[in-house]
Amino acid sequence: MSGNSIVLDTNIILYLLNGDEYLADFLNQKELYISIISEIELLGYNQITKQEKLKIKEFISYCTILNISEKIKNECITLKEQTNIKTPDALVASTAIFLNLPLISADKIFNKIENINFLHYKL
């Protein structure tokens, strides 16, 4: 993994899919990683159309998707013990920590985590 790699939170993917050009420019030529939980959140939304699902699948095909390994699970448990963040957020953060990569999100909750390189995306 190079210094040109980054972990995306689910909300960042949604902004990209909705046409956020600034974000697209920022992430252009970067190696993109997502947690399996983001894939589940995106594709498991019950009001998603077939066209939206295809668009999501196409986008995530360009990303490396990380499953929940033993190390990610243990990091997630530690984060849950130390903070009051929700499990999906803890899994995304744990993925970034495991990979030792920055995490980009519009969600300020990640500021609570001390050992993460967090990029807060402000609209």
PDB file of N, CA and C in Angstrom:
ATOM      1  N   MET A   1       0.835  -1.179   0.000  1.00  0.00           N
ATOM      2  CA  MET A   1       0.000   0.000   0.000  1.00  0.00           C
ATOM      3  C   MET A   1       0.879   1.242   0.000  1.00  0.00           C
ATOM      4  N   SER A   2       0.493   2.176  -0.798  1.00  0.00           N
ATOM      5  CA  SER A   2       1.297   3.388  -0.925  1.00  0.00           C
ATOM      6  C   SER A   2       0.669   4.531  -0.145  1.00  0.00           C
ATOM      7  N   GLY A   3       1.335   5.666  -0.148  1.00  0.00           N
ATOM      8  CA  GLY A   3       0.799   6.862   0.475  1.00  0.00           C
ATOM      9  C   GLY A   3      -0.350   7.437  -0.313  1.00  0.00           C
ATOM     10  N   ASN A   4      -0.713   6.754  -1.365  1.00  0.00           N
ATOM     11  CA  ASN A   4      -1.800   7.193  -2.224  1.00  0.00           C
ATOM     12  C   ASN A   4      -3.056   6.342  -2.004  1.00  0.00           C
ATOM     13  N   SER A   5      -3.137   5.715  -0.832  1.00  0.00           N
ATOM     14  CA  SER A   5      -4.262   4.837  -0.509  1.00  0.00           C
ATOM     15  C   SER A   5      -5.098   5.469   0.589  1.00  0.00           C
ATOM     16  N   ILE A   6      -6.392   5.144   0.589  1.00  0.00           N
ATOM     17  CA  ILE A   6      -7.311   5.742   1.560  1.00  0.00           C
ATOM     18  C   ILE A   6      -8.512   4.820   1.767  1.00  0.00           C
ATOM     19  N   VAL A   7      -9.049   4.847   2.980  1.00  0.00           N
ATOM     20  CA  VAL A   7     -10.265   4.097   3.311  1.00  0.00           C
ATOM     21  C   VAL A   7     -11.443   5.064   3.252  1.00  0.00           C
ATOM     22  N   LEU A   8     -12.496   4.640   2.572  1.00  0.00           N
ATOM     23  CA  LEU A   8     -13.694   5.469   2.411  1.00  0.00           C
ATOM     24  C   LEU A   8     -14.792   5.022   3.363  1.00  0.00           C
ATOM     25  N   ASP A   9     -15.407   5.972   4.028  1.00  0.00           N
ATOM     26  CA  ASP A   9     -16.609   5.685   4.802  1.00  0.00           C
ATOM     27  C   ASP A   9     -17.789   5.655   3.832  1.00  0.00           C
ATOM     28  N   THR A  10     -18.858   5.040   4.254  1.00  0.00           N
ATOM     29  CA  THR A  10     -20.040   4.891   3.404  1.00  0.00           C
ATOM     30  C   THR A  10     -20.552   6.231   2.899  1.00  0.00           C
ATOM     31  N   ASN A  11     -20.570   7.258   3.747  1.00  0.00           N
ATOM     32  CA  ASN A  11     -21.115   8.548   3.314  1.00  0.00           C
ATOM     33  C   ASN A  11     -20.281   9.162   2.190  1.00  0.00           C
ATOM     34  N   ILE A  12     -18.994   8.916   2.175  1.00  0.00           N
ATOM     35  CA  ILE A  12     -18.136   9.438   1.109  1.00  0.00           C
ATOM     36  C   ILE A  12     -18.507   8.791  -0.222  1.00  0.00           C
ATOM     37  N   ILE A  13     -18.774   7.512  -0.193  1.00  0.00           N
ATOM     38  CA  ILE A  13     -19.184   6.802  -1.414  1.00  0.00           C
ATOM     39  C   ILE A  13     -20.503   7.374  -1.924  1.00  0.00           C
ATOM     40  N   LEU A  14     -21.420   7.649  -1.025  1.00  0.00           N
ATOM     41  CA  LEU A  14     -22.708   8.229  -1.429  1.00  0.00           C
ATOM     42  C   LEU A  14     -22.520   9.604  -2.056  1.00  0.00           C
ATOM     43  N   TYR A  15     -21.639  10.426  -1.484  1.00  0.00           N
ATOM     44  CA  TYR A  15     -21.367  11.741  -2.069  1.00  0.00           C
ATOM     45  C   TYR A  15     -20.775  11.602  -3.468  1.00  0.00           C
ATOM     46  N   LEU A  16     -19.866  10.672  -3.618  1.00  0.00           N
ATOM     47  CA  LEU A  16     -19.259  10.431  -4.934  1.00  0.00           C
ATOM     48  C   LEU A  16     -20.314  10.012  -5.957  1.00  0.00           C
ATOM     49  N   LEU A  17     -21.157   9.071  -5.550  1.00  0.00           N
ATOM     50  CA  LEU A  17     -22.185   8.566  -6.457  1.00  0.00           C
ATOM     51  C   LEU A  17     -23.226   9.633  -6.802  1.00  0.00           C
ATOM     52  N   ASN A  18     -23.338  10.632  -5.942  1.00  0.00           N
ATOM     53  CA  ASN A  18     -24.274  11.732  -6.194  1.00  0.00           C
ATOM     54  C   ASN A  18     -23.610  12.900  -6.914  1.00  0.00           C
ATOM     55  N   GLY A  19     -22.362  12.695  -7.365  1.00  0.00           N
ATOM     56  CA  GLY A  19     -21.735  13.683  -8.238  1.00  0.00           C
ATOM     57  C   GLY A  19     -20.844  14.719  -7.587  1.00  0.00           C
ATOM     58  N   ASP A  20     -20.348  14.477  -6.390  1.00  0.00           N
ATOM     59  CA  ASP A  20     -19.466  15.438  -5.724  1.00  0.00           C
ATOM     60  C   ASP A  20     -18.133  15.499  -6.488  1.00  0.00           C
ATOM     61  N   GLU A  21     -17.959  16.535  -7.294  1.00  0.00           N
ATOM     62  CA  GLU A  21     -16.783  16.649  -8.158  1.00  0.00           C
ATOM     63  C   GLU A  21     -15.503  16.964  -7.379  1.00  0.00           C
ATOM     64  N   TYR A  22     -15.614  17.760  -6.328  1.00  0.00           N
ATOM     65  CA  TYR A  22     -14.433  18.071  -5.519  1.00  0.00           C
ATOM     66  C   TYR A  22     -13.870  16.784  -4.914  1.00  0.00           C
ATOM     67  N   LEU A  23     -14.744  15.976  -4.373  1.00  0.00           N
ATOM     68  CA  LEU A  23     -14.343  14.711  -3.771  1.00  0.00           C
ATOM     69  C   LEU A  23     -13.776  13.763  -4.819  1.00  0.00           C
ATOM     70  N   ALA A  24     -14.410  13.715  -5.983  1.00  0.00           N
ATOM     71  CA  ALA A  24     -13.923  12.865  -7.068  1.00  0.00           C
ATOM     72  C   ALA A  24     -12.514  13.277  -7.486  1.00  0.00           C
ATOM     73  N   ASP A  25     -12.266  14.577  -7.583  1.00  0.00           N
ATOM     74  CA  ASP A  25     -10.925  15.064  -7.928  1.00  0.00           C
ATOM     75  C   ASP A  25      -9.909  14.686  -6.852  1.00  0.00           C
ATOM     76  N   PHE A  26     -10.298  14.840  -5.597  1.00  0.00           N
ATOM     77  CA  PHE A  26      -9.410  14.522  -4.483  1.00  0.00           C
ATOM     78  C   PHE A  26      -9.027  13.035  -4.477  1.00  0.00           C
ATOM     79  N   LEU A  27      -9.984  12.178  -4.797  1.00  0.00           N
ATOM     80  CA  LEU A  27      -9.740  10.733  -4.733  1.00  0.00           C
ATOM     81  C   LEU A  27      -9.215  10.147  -6.036  1.00  0.00           C
ATOM     82  N   ASN A  28      -9.182  10.965  -7.088  1.00  0.00           N
ATOM     83  CA  ASN A  28      -8.699  10.487  -8.379  1.00  0.00           C
ATOM     84  C   ASN A  28      -7.270   9.965  -8.247  1.00  0.00           C
ATOM     85  N   GLN A  29      -7.015   8.834  -8.833  1.00  0.00           N
ATOM     86  CA  GLN A  29      -5.700   8.177  -8.832  1.00  0.00           C
ATOM     87  C   GLN A  29      -5.298   7.607  -7.468  1.00  0.00           C
ATOM     88  N   LYS A  30      -6.214   7.590  -6.500  1.00  0.00           N
ATOM     89  CA  LYS A  30      -5.919   6.973  -5.208  1.00  0.00           C
ATOM     90  C   LYS A  30      -6.393   5.517  -5.220  1.00  0.00           C
ATOM     91  N   GLU A  31      -5.723   4.717  -4.422  1.00  0.00           N
ATOM     92  CA  GLU A  31      -6.126   3.333  -4.217  1.00  0.00           C
ATOM     93  C   GLU A  31      -7.193   3.345  -3.127  1.00  0.00           C
ATOM     94  N   LEU A  32      -8.409   2.905  -3.456  1.00  0.00           N
ATOM     95  CA  LEU A  32      -9.552   3.029  -2.557  1.00  0.00           C
ATOM     96  C   LEU A  32      -9.845   1.711  -1.847  1.00  0.00           C
ATOM     97  N   TYR A  33     -10.055   1.814  -0.545  1.00  0.00           N
ATOM     98  CA  TYR A  33     -10.394   0.662   0.291  1.00  0.00           C
ATOM     99  C   TYR A  33     -11.707   0.951   0.991  1.00  0.00           C
ATOM    100  N   ILE A  34     -12.509  -0.098   1.158  1.00  0.00           N
ATOM    101  CA  ILE A  34     -13.733   0.028   1.941  1.00  0.00           C
ATOM    102  C   ILE A  34     -13.890  -1.209   2.821  1.00  0.00           C
ATOM    103  N   SER A  35     -14.585  -1.017   3.909  1.00  0.00           N
ATOM    104  CA  SER A  35     -14.925  -2.124   4.791  1.00  0.00           C
ATOM    105  C   SER A  35     -16.120  -2.874   4.205  1.00  0.00           C
ATOM    106  N   ILE A  36     -16.180  -4.154   4.480  1.00  0.00           N
ATOM    107  CA  ILE A  36     -17.327  -4.964   4.052  1.00  0.00           C
ATOM    108  C   ILE A  36     -18.639  -4.367   4.570  1.00  0.00           C
ATOM    109  N   ILE A  37     -18.587  -3.695   5.717  1.00  0.00           N
ATOM    110  CA  ILE A  37     -19.802  -3.094   6.279  1.00  0.00           C
ATOM    111  C   ILE A  37     -20.333  -1.985   5.379  1.00  0.00           C
ATOM    112  N   SER A  38     -19.443  -1.259   4.702  1.00  0.00           N
ATOM    113  CA  SER A  38     -19.902  -0.219   3.773  1.00  0.00           C
ATOM    114  C   SER A  38     -20.615  -0.839   2.579  1.00  0.00           C
ATOM    115  N   GLU A  39     -20.086  -1.940   2.083  1.00  0.00           N
ATOM    116  CA  GLU A  39     -20.746  -2.639   0.979  1.00  0.00           C
ATOM    117  C   GLU A  39     -22.144  -3.095   1.408  1.00  0.00           C
ATOM    118  N   ILE A  40     -22.244  -3.630   2.616  1.00  0.00           N
ATOM    119  CA  ILE A  40     -23.540  -4.084   3.140  1.00  0.00           C
ATOM    120  C   ILE A  40     -24.495  -2.908   3.293  1.00  0.00           C
ATOM    121  N   GLU A  41     -24.008  -1.797   3.844  1.00  0.00           N
ATOM    122  CA  GLU A  41     -24.866  -0.623   4.033  1.00  0.00           C
ATOM    123  C   GLU A  41     -25.368  -0.088   2.696  1.00  0.00           C
ATOM    124  N   LEU A  42     -24.487  -0.038   1.712  1.00  0.00           N
ATOM    125  CA  LEU A  42     -24.862   0.509   0.404  1.00  0.00           C
ATOM    126  C   LEU A  42     -25.843  -0.391  -0.341  1.00  0.00           C
ATOM    127  N   LEU A  43     -25.541  -1.671  -0.402  1.00  0.00           N
ATOM    128  CA  LEU A  43     -26.369  -2.589  -1.198  1.00  0.00           C
ATOM    129  C   LEU A  43     -27.586  -3.110  -0.438  1.00  0.00           C
ATOM    130  N   GLY A  44     -27.561  -2.989   0.887  1.00  0.00           N
ATOM    131  CA  GLY A  44     -28.657  -3.505   1.699  1.00  0.00           C
ATOM    132  C   GLY A  44     -29.747  -2.499   1.985  1.00  0.00           C
ATOM    133  N   TYR A  45     -29.611  -1.294   1.469  1.00  0.00           N
ATOM    134  CA  TYR A  45     -30.643  -0.273   1.667  1.00  0.00           C
ATOM    135  C   TYR A  45     -31.926  -0.739   0.998  1.00  0.00           C
ATOM    136  N   ASN A  46     -33.024  -0.769   1.745  1.00  0.00           N
ATOM    137  CA  ASN A  46     -34.253  -1.395   1.229  1.00  0.00           C
ATOM    138  C   ASN A  46     -34.991  -0.589   0.162  1.00  0.00           C
ATOM    139  N   GLN A  47     -34.648   0.665  -0.047  1.00  0.00           N
ATOM    140  CA  GLN A  47     -35.337   1.462  -1.062  1.00  0.00           C
ATOM    141  C   GLN A  47     -34.469   1.722  -2.283  1.00  0.00           C
ATOM    142  N   ILE A  48     -33.444   0.924  -2.463  1.00  0.00           N
ATOM    143  CA  ILE A  48     -32.517   1.108  -3.571  1.00  0.00           C
ATOM    144  C   ILE A  48     -33.146   0.596  -4.872  1.00  0.00           C
ATOM    145  N   THR A  49     -32.942   1.333  -5.945  1.00  0.00           N
ATOM    146  CA  THR A  49     -33.452   0.892  -7.243  1.00  0.00           C
ATOM    147  C   THR A  49     -32.425  -0.028  -7.895  1.00  0.00           C
ATOM    148  N   LYS A  50     -32.844  -0.742  -8.908  1.00  0.00           N
ATOM    149  CA  LYS A  50     -31.923  -1.617  -9.634  1.00  0.00           C
ATOM    150  C   LYS A  50     -30.795  -0.812 -10.277  1.00  0.00           C
ATOM    151  N   GLN A  51     -31.126   0.355 -10.807  1.00  0.00           N
ATOM    152  CA  GLN A  51     -30.126   1.211 -11.437  1.00  0.00           C
ATOM    153  C   GLN A  51     -29.105   1.708 -10.405  1.00  0.00           C
ATOM    154  N   GLU A  52     -29.581   2.112  -9.229  1.00  0.00           N
ATOM    155  CA  GLU A  52     -28.681   2.565  -8.169  1.00  0.00           C
ATOM    156  C   GLU A  52     -27.773   1.419  -7.705  1.00  0.00           C
ATOM    157  N   LYS A  53     -28.348   0.228  -7.599  1.00  0.00           N
ATOM    158  CA  LYS A  53     -27.571  -0.933  -7.180  1.00  0.00           C
ATOM    159  C   LYS A  53     -26.453  -1.229  -8.179  1.00  0.00           C
ATOM    160  N   LEU A  54     -26.761  -1.128  -9.465  1.00  0.00           N
ATOM    161  CA  LEU A  54     -25.740  -1.347 -10.491  1.00  0.00           C
ATOM    162  C   LEU A  54     -24.633  -0.295 -10.404  1.00  0.00           C
ATOM    163  N   LYS A  55     -25.031   0.943 -10.171  1.00  0.00           N
ATOM    164  CA  LYS A  55     -24.068   2.041 -10.048  1.00  0.00           C
ATOM    165  C   LYS A  55     -23.138   1.808  -8.847  1.00  0.00           C
ATOM    166  N   ILE A  56     -23.709   1.368  -7.737  1.00  0.00           N
ATOM    167  CA  ILE A  56     -22.924   1.081  -6.542  1.00  0.00           C
ATOM    168  C   ILE A  56     -21.974  -0.073  -6.801  1.00  0.00           C
ATOM    169  N   LYS A  57     -22.481  -1.140  -7.389  1.00  0.00           N
ATOM    170  CA  LYS A  57     -21.640  -2.307  -7.671  1.00  0.00           C
ATOM    171  C   LYS A  57     -20.486  -1.938  -8.599  1.00  0.00           C
ATOM    172  N   GLU A  58     -20.764  -1.103  -9.582  1.00  0.00           N
ATOM    173  CA  GLU A  58     -19.706  -0.677 -10.488  1.00  0.00           C
ATOM    174  C   GLU A  58     -18.637   0.104  -9.723  1.00  0.00           C
ATOM    175  N   PHE A  59     -19.065   1.037  -8.878  1.00  0.00           N
ATOM    176  CA  PHE A  59     -18.098   1.826  -8.118  1.00  0.00           C
ATOM    177  C   PHE A  59     -17.257   0.936  -7.204  1.00  0.00           C
ATOM    178  N   ILE A  60     -17.903   0.072  -6.446  1.00  0.00           N
ATOM    179  CA  ILE A  60     -17.136  -0.723  -5.480  1.00  0.00           C
ATOM    180  C   ILE A  60     -16.250  -1.769  -6.161  1.00  0.00           C
ATOM    181  N   SER A  61     -16.498  -2.029  -7.440  1.00  0.00           N
ATOM    182  CA  SER A  61     -15.609  -2.943  -8.158  1.00  0.00           C
ATOM    183  C   SER A  61     -14.215  -2.328  -8.334  1.00  0.00           C
ATOM    184  N   TYR A  62     -14.108  -1.011  -8.191  1.00  0.00           N
ATOM    185  CA  TYR A  62     -12.826  -0.314  -8.280  1.00  0.00           C
ATOM    186  C   TYR A  62     -12.129  -0.203  -6.916  1.00  0.00           C
ATOM    187  N   CYS A  63     -12.791  -0.686  -5.884  1.00  0.00           N
ATOM    188  CA  CYS A  63     -12.252  -0.604  -4.526  1.00  0.00           C
ATOM    189  C   CYS A  63     -11.792  -1.980  -4.058  1.00  0.00           C
ATOM    190  N   THR A  64     -10.897  -1.972  -3.098  1.00  0.00           N
ATOM    191  CA  THR A  64     -10.541  -3.199  -2.405  1.00  0.00           C
ATOM    192  C   THR A  64     -11.441  -3.281  -1.182  1.00  0.00           C
ATOM    193  N   ILE A  65     -12.180  -4.375  -1.079  1.00  0.00           N
ATOM    194  CA  ILE A  65     -13.118  -4.553   0.026  1.00  0.00           C
ATOM    195  C   ILE A  65     -12.479  -5.470   1.058  1.00  0.00           C
ATOM    196  N   LEU A  66     -12.420  -5.001   2.303  1.00  0.00           N
ATOM    197  CA  LEU A  66     -11.833  -5.807   3.361  1.00  0.00           C
ATOM    198  C   LEU A  66     -12.914  -6.468   4.198  1.00  0.00           C
ATOM    199  N   ASN A  67     -12.778  -7.774   4.334  1.00  0.00           N
ATOM    200  CA  ASN A  67     -13.655  -8.527   5.217  1.00  0.00           C
ATOM    201  C   ASN A  67     -13.244  -8.295   6.665  1.00  0.00           C
ATOM    202  N   ILE A  68     -14.025  -8.796   7.572  1.00  0.00           N
ATOM    203  CA  ILE A  68     -13.743  -8.642   8.992  1.00  0.00           C
ATOM    204  C   ILE A  68     -12.821  -9.781   9.422  1.00  0.00           C
ATOM    205  N   SER A  69     -11.551  -9.454   9.547  1.00  0.00           N
ATOM    206  CA  SER A  69     -10.562 -10.427  10.007  1.00  0.00           C
ATOM    207  C   SER A  69     -10.570 -10.457  11.537  1.00  0.00           C
ATOM    208  N   GLU A  70      -9.818 -11.378  12.091  1.00  0.00           N
ATOM    209  CA  GLU A  70      -9.692 -11.461  13.552  1.00  0.00           C
ATOM    210  C   GLU A  70      -9.107 -10.173  14.121  1.00  0.00           C
ATOM    211  N   LYS A  71      -8.093  -9.607  13.438  1.00  0.00           N
ATOM    212  CA  LYS A  71      -7.458  -8.371  13.923  1.00  0.00           C
ATOM    213  C   LYS A  71      -8.414  -7.188  13.840  1.00  0.00           C
ATOM    214  N   ILE A  72      -9.181  -7.091  12.746  1.00  0.00           N
ATOM    215  CA  ILE A  72     -10.167  -6.002  12.612  1.00  0.00           C
ATOM    216  C   ILE A  72     -11.253  -6.159  13.670  1.00  0.00           C
ATOM    217  N   LYS A  73     -11.698  -7.394  13.893  1.00  0.00           N
ATOM    218  CA  LYS A  73     -12.720  -7.648  14.919  1.00  0.00           C
ATOM    219  C   LYS A  73     -12.219  -7.214  16.293  1.00  0.00           C
ATOM    220  N   ASN A  74     -10.992  -7.582  16.630  1.00  0.00           N
ATOM    221  CA  ASN A  74     -10.445  -7.228  17.942  1.00  0.00           C
ATOM    222  C   ASN A  74     -10.265  -5.718  18.096  1.00  0.00           C
ATOM    223  N   GLU A  75      -9.832  -5.059  17.024  1.00  0.00           N
ATOM    224  CA  GLU A  75      -9.705  -3.592  17.058  1.00  0.00           C
ATOM    225  C   GLU A  75     -11.084  -2.956  17.240  1.00  0.00           C
ATOM    226  N   CYS A  76     -12.076  -3.498  16.576  1.00  0.00           N
ATOM    227  CA  CYS A  76     -13.449  -2.997  16.691  1.00  0.00           C
ATOM    228  C   CYS A  76     -13.947  -3.126  18.131  1.00  0.00           C
ATOM    229  N   ILE A  77     -13.679  -4.250  18.746  1.00  0.00           N
ATOM    230  CA  ILE A  77     -14.090  -4.458  20.140  1.00  0.00           C
ATOM    231  C   ILE A  77     -13.412  -3.424  21.039  1.00  0.00           C
ATOM    232  N   THR A  78     -12.123  -3.200  20.825  1.00  0.00           N
ATOM    233  CA  THR A  78     -11.396  -2.201  21.612  1.00  0.00           C
ATOM    234  C   THR A  78     -12.002  -0.815  21.429  1.00  0.00           C
ATOM    235  N   LEU A  79     -12.305  -0.446  20.188  1.00  0.00           N
ATOM    236  CA  LEU A  79     -12.918   0.872  19.930  1.00  0.00           C
ATOM    237  C   LEU A  79     -14.271   0.994  20.613  1.00  0.00           C
ATOM    238  N   LYS A  80     -15.047  -0.077  20.580  1.00  0.00           N
ATOM    239  CA  LYS A  80     -16.363  -0.054  21.224  1.00  0.00           C
ATOM    240  C   LYS A  80     -16.222   0.095  22.739  1.00  0.00           C
ATOM    241  N   GLU A  81     -15.164  -0.502  23.309  1.00  0.00           N
ATOM    242  CA  GLU A  81     -14.918  -0.370  24.742  1.00  0.00           C
ATOM    243  C   GLU A  81     -14.513   1.046  25.116  1.00  0.00           C
ATOM    244  N   GLN A  82     -13.772   1.701  24.231  1.00  0.00           N
ATOM    245  CA  GLN A  82     -13.198   3.016  24.527  1.00  0.00           C
ATOM    246  C   GLN A  82     -14.103   4.191  24.169  1.00  0.00           C
ATOM    247  N   THR A  83     -15.011   3.989  23.236  1.00  0.00           N
ATOM    248  CA  THR A  83     -15.869   5.078  22.762  1.00  0.00           C
ATOM    249  C   THR A  83     -17.318   4.605  22.718  1.00  0.00           C
ATOM    250  N   ASN A  84     -18.212   5.499  22.372  1.00  0.00           N
ATOM    251  CA  ASN A  84     -19.616   5.112  22.236  1.00  0.00           C
ATOM    252  C   ASN A  84     -20.052   5.107  20.767  1.00  0.00           C
ATOM    253  N   ILE A  85     -19.108   4.818  19.852  1.00  0.00           N
ATOM    254  CA  ILE A  85     -19.480   4.814  18.438  1.00  0.00           C
ATOM    255  C   ILE A  85     -20.220   3.524  18.092  1.00  0.00           C
ATOM    256  N   LYS A  86     -21.047   3.614  17.090  1.00  0.00           N
ATOM    257  CA  LYS A  86     -21.843   2.480  16.639  1.00  0.00           C
ATOM    258  C   LYS A  86     -20.941   1.442  15.981  1.00  0.00           C
ATOM    259  N   THR A  87     -21.388   0.208  15.994  1.00  0.00           N
ATOM    260  CA  THR A  87     -20.603  -0.901  15.454  1.00  0.00           C
ATOM    261  C   THR A  87     -20.199  -0.693  13.995  1.00  0.00           C
ATOM    262  N   PRO A  88     -21.086  -0.257  13.089  1.00  0.00           N
ATOM    263  CA  PRO A  88     -20.635  -0.049  11.707  1.00  0.00           C
ATOM    264  C   PRO A  88     -19.493   0.964  11.604  1.00  0.00           C
ATOM    265  N   ASP A  89     -19.580   2.053  12.363  1.00  0.00           N
ATOM    266  CA  ASP A  89     -18.511   3.050  12.355  1.00  0.00           C
ATOM    267  C   ASP A  89     -17.225   2.470  12.950  1.00  0.00           C
ATOM    268  N   ALA A  90     -17.368   1.684  13.995  1.00  0.00           N
ATOM    269  CA  ALA A  90     -16.200   1.059  14.611  1.00  0.00           C
ATOM    270  C   ALA A  90     -15.527   0.089  13.645  1.00  0.00           C
ATOM    271  N   LEU A  91     -16.310  -0.613  12.849  1.00  0.00           N
ATOM    272  CA  LEU A  91     -15.733  -1.530  11.856  1.00  0.00           C
ATOM    273  C   LEU A  91     -14.989  -0.775  10.758  1.00  0.00           C
ATOM    274  N   VAL A  92     -15.551   0.321  10.301  1.00  0.00           N
ATOM    275  CA  VAL A  92     -14.883   1.136   9.278  1.00  0.00           C
ATOM    276  C   VAL A  92     -13.576   1.682   9.844  1.00  0.00           C
ATOM    277  N   ALA A  93     -13.631   2.223  11.048  1.00  0.00           N
ATOM    278  CA  ALA A  93     -12.426   2.764  11.683  1.00  0.00           C
ATOM    279  C   ALA A  93     -11.389   1.669  11.911  1.00  0.00           C
ATOM    280  N   SER A  94     -11.832   0.523  12.351  1.00  0.00           N
ATOM    281  CA  SER A  94     -10.924  -0.606  12.597  1.00  0.00           C
ATOM    282  C   SER A  94     -10.239  -1.049  11.310  1.00  0.00           C
ATOM    283  N   THR A  95     -10.946  -0.983  10.209  1.00  0.00           N
ATOM    284  CA  THR A  95     -10.357  -1.329   8.911  1.00  0.00           C
ATOM    285  C   THR A  95      -9.234  -0.364   8.578  1.00  0.00           C
ATOM    286  N   ALA A  96      -9.476   0.936   8.778  1.00  0.00           N
ATOM    287  CA  ALA A  96      -8.444   1.945   8.501  1.00  0.00           C
ATOM    288  C   ALA A  96      -7.241   1.769   9.424  1.00  0.00           C
ATOM    289  N   ILE A  97      -7.498   1.492  10.677  1.00  0.00           N
ATOM    290  CA  ILE A  97      -6.409   1.291  11.634  1.00  0.00           C
ATOM    291  C   ILE A  97      -5.609   0.051  11.257  1.00  0.00           C
ATOM    292  N   PHE A  98      -6.299  -1.034  10.938  1.00  0.00           N
ATOM    293  CA  PHE A  98      -5.627  -2.276  10.534  1.00  0.00           C
ATOM    294  C   PHE A  98      -4.727  -2.060   9.316  1.00  0.00           C
ATOM    295  N   LEU A  99      -5.229  -1.308   8.346  1.00  0.00           N
ATOM    296  CA  LEU A  99      -4.460  -1.050   7.126  1.00  0.00           C
ATOM    297  C   LEU A  99      -3.411   0.046   7.310  1.00  0.00           C
ATOM    298  N   ASN A 100      -3.512   0.767   8.425  1.00  0.00           N
ATOM    299  CA  ASN A 100      -2.647   1.920   8.676  1.00  0.00           C
ATOM    300  C   ASN A 100      -2.774   2.950   7.553  1.00  0.00           C
ATOM    301  N   LEU A 101      -4.045   3.230   7.197  1.00  0.00           N
ATOM    302  CA  LEU A 101      -4.361   4.179   6.134  1.00  0.00           C
ATOM    303  C   LEU A 101      -5.283   5.260   6.678  1.00  0.00           C
ATOM    304  N   PRO A 102      -5.278   6.429   6.044  1.00  0.00           N
ATOM    305  CA  PRO A 102      -6.229   7.462   6.450  1.00  0.00           C
ATOM    306  C   PRO A 102      -7.665   7.038   6.120  1.00  0.00           C
ATOM    307  N   LEU A 103      -8.573   7.519   6.936  1.00  0.00           N
ATOM    308  CA  LEU A 103     -10.006   7.308   6.732  1.00  0.00           C
ATOM    309  C   LEU A 103     -10.628   8.653   6.414  1.00  0.00           C
ATOM    310  N   ILE A 104     -11.411   8.715   5.340  1.00  0.00           N
ATOM    311  CA  ILE A 104     -12.137   9.936   5.012  1.00  0.00           C
ATOM    312  C   ILE A 104     -13.624   9.700   5.254  1.00  0.00           C
ATOM    313  N   SER A 105     -14.239  10.654   5.956  1.00  0.00           N
ATOM    314  CA  SER A 105     -15.654  10.578   6.278  1.00  0.00           C
ATOM    315  C   SER A 105     -16.175  11.979   6.571  1.00  0.00           C
ATOM    316  N   ALA A 106     -17.462  12.159   6.400  1.00  0.00           N
ATOM    317  CA  ALA A 106     -18.113  13.409   6.791  1.00  0.00           C
ATOM    318  C   ALA A 106     -18.621  13.322   8.229  1.00  0.00           C
ATOM    319  N   ASP A 107     -18.449  12.170   8.840  1.00  0.00           N
ATOM    320  CA  ASP A 107     -18.954  11.901  10.180  1.00  0.00           C
ATOM    321  C   ASP A 107     -17.903  12.277  11.227  1.00  0.00           C
ATOM    322  N   LYS A 108     -18.203  13.260  12.071  1.00  0.00           N
ATOM    323  CA  LYS A 108     -17.265  13.758  13.077  1.00  0.00           C
ATOM    324  C   LYS A 108     -16.995  12.762  14.199  1.00  0.00           C
ATOM    325  N   ILE A 109     -17.776  11.707  14.286  1.00  0.00           N
ATOM    326  CA  ILE A 109     -17.618  10.728  15.369  1.00  0.00           C
ATOM    327  C   ILE A 109     -16.206  10.146  15.399  1.00  0.00           C
ATOM    328  N   PHE A 110     -15.546  10.097  14.239  1.00  0.00           N
ATOM    329  CA  PHE A 110     -14.208   9.510  14.165  1.00  0.00           C
ATOM    330  C   PHE A 110     -13.149  10.372  14.857  1.00  0.00           C
ATOM    331  N   ASN A 111     -13.483  11.620  15.171  1.00  0.00           N
ATOM    332  CA  ASN A 111     -12.576  12.473  15.942  1.00  0.00           C
ATOM    333  C   ASN A 111     -12.320  11.911  17.337  1.00  0.00           C
ATOM    334  N   LYS A 112     -13.214  11.062  17.817  1.00  0.00           N
ATOM    335  CA  LYS A 112     -13.084  10.479  19.154  1.00  0.00           C
ATOM    336  C   LYS A 112     -11.987   9.416  19.226  1.00  0.00           C
ATOM    337  N   ILE A 113     -11.524   8.960  18.082  1.00  0.00           N
ATOM    338  CA  ILE A 113     -10.562   7.862  18.037  1.00  0.00           C
ATOM    339  C   ILE A 113      -9.153   8.443  17.954  1.00  0.00           C
ATOM    340  N   GLU A 114      -8.334   8.083  18.925  1.00  0.00           N
ATOM    341  CA  GLU A 114      -6.996   8.667  19.017  1.00  0.00           C
ATOM    342  C   GLU A 114      -6.013   8.119  17.991  1.00  0.00           C
ATOM    343  N   ASN A 115      -6.051   6.845  17.715  1.00  0.00           N
ATOM    344  CA  ASN A 115      -5.012   6.222  16.881  1.00  0.00           C
ATOM    345  C   ASN A 115      -5.429   6.028  15.419  1.00  0.00           C
ATOM    346  N   ILE A 116      -6.128   7.025  14.885  1.00  0.00           N
ATOM    347  CA  ILE A 116      -6.565   6.945  13.492  1.00  0.00           C
ATOM    348  C   ILE A 116      -6.163   8.227  12.760  1.00  0.00           C
ATOM    349  N   ASN A 117      -5.791   8.073  11.512  1.00  0.00           N
ATOM    350  CA  ASN A 117      -5.513   9.227  10.661  1.00  0.00           C
ATOM    351  C   ASN A 117      -6.844   9.566   9.971  1.00  0.00           C
ATOM    352  N   PHE A 118      -7.555  10.523  10.541  1.00  0.00           N
ATOM    353  CA  PHE A 118      -8.919  10.847  10.111  1.00  0.00           C
ATOM    354  C   PHE A 118      -8.940  12.137   9.296  1.00  0.00           C
ATOM    355  N   LEU A 119      -9.516  12.060   8.106  1.00  0.00           N
ATOM    356  CA  LEU A 119      -9.729  13.228   7.267  1.00  0.00           C
ATOM    357  C   LEU A 119     -11.214  13.561   7.298  1.00  0.00           C
ATOM    358  N   HIS A 120     -11.557  14.635   7.964  1.00  0.00           N
ATOM    359  CA  HIS A 120     -12.962  15.026   8.062  1.00  0.00           C
ATOM    360  C   HIS A 120     -13.367  15.817   6.816  1.00  0.00           C
ATOM    361  N   TYR A 121     -14.295  15.244   6.058  1.00  0.00           N
ATOM    362  CA  TYR A 121     -14.766  15.896   4.833  1.00  0.00           C
ATOM    363  C   TYR A 121     -15.963  16.765   5.182  1.00  0.00           C
ATOM    364  N   LYS A 122     -15.808  18.042   4.911  1.00  0.00           N
ATOM    365  CA  LYS A 122     -16.884  19.003   5.188  1.00  0.00           C
ATOM    366  C   LYS A 122     -17.473  19.458   3.873  1.00  0.00           C
ATOM    367  N   LEU A 123     -18.760  19.361   3.775  1.00  0.00           N
ATOM    368  CA  LEU A 123     -19.456  19.781   2.555  1.00  0.00           C
ATOM    369  C   LEU A 123     -19.428  21.275   2.377  1.00  0.00           C
TER     370      LEU A 123
END
